[in-house]
Amino acid sequence: MEFSDKLRLLREEEGITQSALAEKLGVSQSAVAQWEAGTRVPTAGAIVAIARYFDTSADFILGIVDEKLRLVPYYKDISEKDQTFMQAYAQLPADKKSAVGEIVRLFLS
């Protein structure tokens, strides 16, 4: 499923109009309409805002994963800097995640 289809599906599941979504995201209604039509692609910042609004991952919205994961509730309450770190960490291969885990354990001990 393409981004445009996923955005429309998420918006319709939420029961909101393009105008209401645009207001929540701080963009124009025509931008949302163009995203849903597939004639325009949102910025990275807009994709993050969309994922946060719909409480799902950017990976789902972008079609990287098919499962509509819900974010852990505390995820919304942490700083943007920490969220950026967590997103970068999530993209690491398993061996790199292990190395980061070891470094964190050293700092905590």
Protein backbone atom coordinates (compact mmCIF):
# COMPACT_ATOMS: atom_id res chain seq x y z
CA MET A 1 0.00 0.00 0.00
CA GLU A 2 1.33 3.41 -0.98
CA PHE A 3 1.81 6.32 1.41
CA SER A 4 -1.14 8.16 -0.13
CA ASP A 5 -3.46 5.19 0.50
CA LYS A 6 -2.23 4.71 4.06
CA LEU A 7 -2.71 8.36 4.89
CA ARG A 8 -6.26 8.32 3.56
CA LEU A 9 -7.01 5.08 5.42
CA LEU A 10 -5.62 6.42 8.70
CA ARG A 11 -7.54 9.67 8.33
CA GLU A 12 -10.80 7.91 7.52
CA GLU A 13 -10.33 5.46 10.40
CA GLU A 14 -9.88 8.46 12.68
CA GLY A 15 -13.05 9.98 11.21
CA ILE A 16 -11.56 13.37 10.43
CA THR A 17 -11.61 15.53 7.33
CA GLN A 18 -8.60 16.62 5.32
CA SER A 19 -9.12 20.12 6.69
CA ALA A 20 -9.12 18.91 10.31
CA LEU A 21 -5.97 16.86 9.74
CA ALA A 22 -4.28 19.79 8.02
CA GLU A 23 -5.06 22.00 11.00
CA LYS A 24 -3.64 19.43 13.44
CA LEU A 25 -0.46 19.13 11.35
CA GLY A 26 -0.07 22.85 10.67
CA VAL A 27 -0.31 22.49 6.89
CA SER A 28 -2.88 23.48 4.28
CA GLN A 29 -5.84 21.30 3.35
CA SER A 30 -4.54 21.27 -0.23
CA ALA A 31 -1.24 19.76 1.00
CA VAL A 32 -3.13 16.88 2.64
CA ALA A 33 -5.24 16.46 -0.51
CA GLN A 34 -2.10 16.33 -2.67
CA TRP A 35 -0.46 13.79 -0.32
CA GLU A 36 -3.55 11.58 -0.54
CA ALA A 37 -3.69 11.96 -4.32
CA GLY A 38 -0.03 11.00 -4.57
CA THR A 39 0.88 14.18 -6.44
CA ARG A 40 3.02 15.56 -3.64
CA VAL A 41 5.24 14.00 -0.97
CA PRO A 42 5.34 15.39 2.58
CA THR A 43 8.57 16.56 4.17
CA ALA A 44 10.31 14.36 6.72
CA GLY A 45 9.00 16.63 9.46
CA ALA A 46 5.45 16.24 8.19
CA ILE A 47 5.84 12.45 8.13
CA VAL A 48 6.94 12.51 11.77
CA ALA A 49 3.97 14.73 12.64
CA ILE A 50 1.60 12.37 10.80
CA ALA A 51 3.03 9.34 12.61
CA ARG A 52 2.70 11.07 15.98
CA TYR A 53 -0.83 12.22 15.28
CA PHE A 54 -2.00 8.75 14.27
CA ASP A 55 0.05 7.09 17.03
CA THR A 56 1.91 4.80 14.65
CA SER A 57 5.38 4.49 13.21
CA ALA A 58 6.80 6.38 10.27
CA ASP A 59 7.93 2.95 9.02
CA PHE A 60 4.28 1.91 8.67
CA ILE A 61 3.28 5.15 6.98
CA LEU A 62 6.17 4.87 4.51
CA GLY A 63 5.48 1.21 3.72
CA ILE A 64 8.67 -0.13 5.28
CA VAL A 65 6.62 -2.40 7.56
CA ASP A 66 3.11 -3.67 6.98
CA GLU A 67 2.10 -3.94 10.62
CA LYS A 68 0.36 -0.89 12.05
CA LEU A 69 2.37 -0.60 15.24
CA ARG A 70 1.07 1.65 17.96
CA LEU A 71 3.60 3.72 19.81
CA VAL A 72 4.31 3.03 23.44
CA PRO A 73 2.33 5.65 25.43
CA TYR A 74 5.41 7.20 27.07
CA TYR A 75 6.96 7.75 23.65
CA LYS A 76 4.89 10.91 23.20
CA ASP A 77 6.05 12.28 26.54
CA ILE A 78 9.80 12.21 25.90
CA SER A 79 11.81 15.00 24.37
CA GLU A 80 12.19 15.38 20.63
CA LYS A 81 15.94 14.80 21.00
CA ASP A 82 15.31 11.47 22.77
CA GLN A 83 12.73 10.50 20.15
CA THR A 84 15.27 11.18 17.41
CA PHE A 85 17.80 9.00 19.24
CA MET A 86 15.26 6.19 19.62
CA GLN A 87 14.36 6.36 15.94
CA ALA A 88 18.04 6.20 14.95
CA TYR A 89 18.63 3.32 17.36
CA ALA A 90 15.68 1.41 15.89
CA GLN A 91 17.34 1.53 12.47
CA LEU A 92 20.60 -0.01 13.65
CA PRO A 93 21.44 -3.64 12.84
CA ALA A 94 21.35 -6.04 15.81
CA ASP A 95 25.12 -6.03 16.40
CA LYS A 96 25.21 -2.23 16.58
CA LYS A 97 22.22 -2.21 18.97
CA SER A 98 24.13 -4.62 21.17
CA ALA A 99 27.16 -2.32 21.18
CA VAL A 100 25.00 0.68 22.10
CA GLY A 101 23.44 -1.39 24.89
CA GLU A 102 26.88 -2.18 26.29
CA ILE A 103 27.86 1.48 26.26
CA VAL A 104 24.66 2.46 28.05
CA ARG A 105 25.22 -0.26 30.68
CA LEU A 106 28.75 1.12 31.27
CA PHE A 107 27.37 4.61 31.84
CA LEU A 108 24.71 3.29 34.21
CA SER A 109 27.13 1.27 36.33
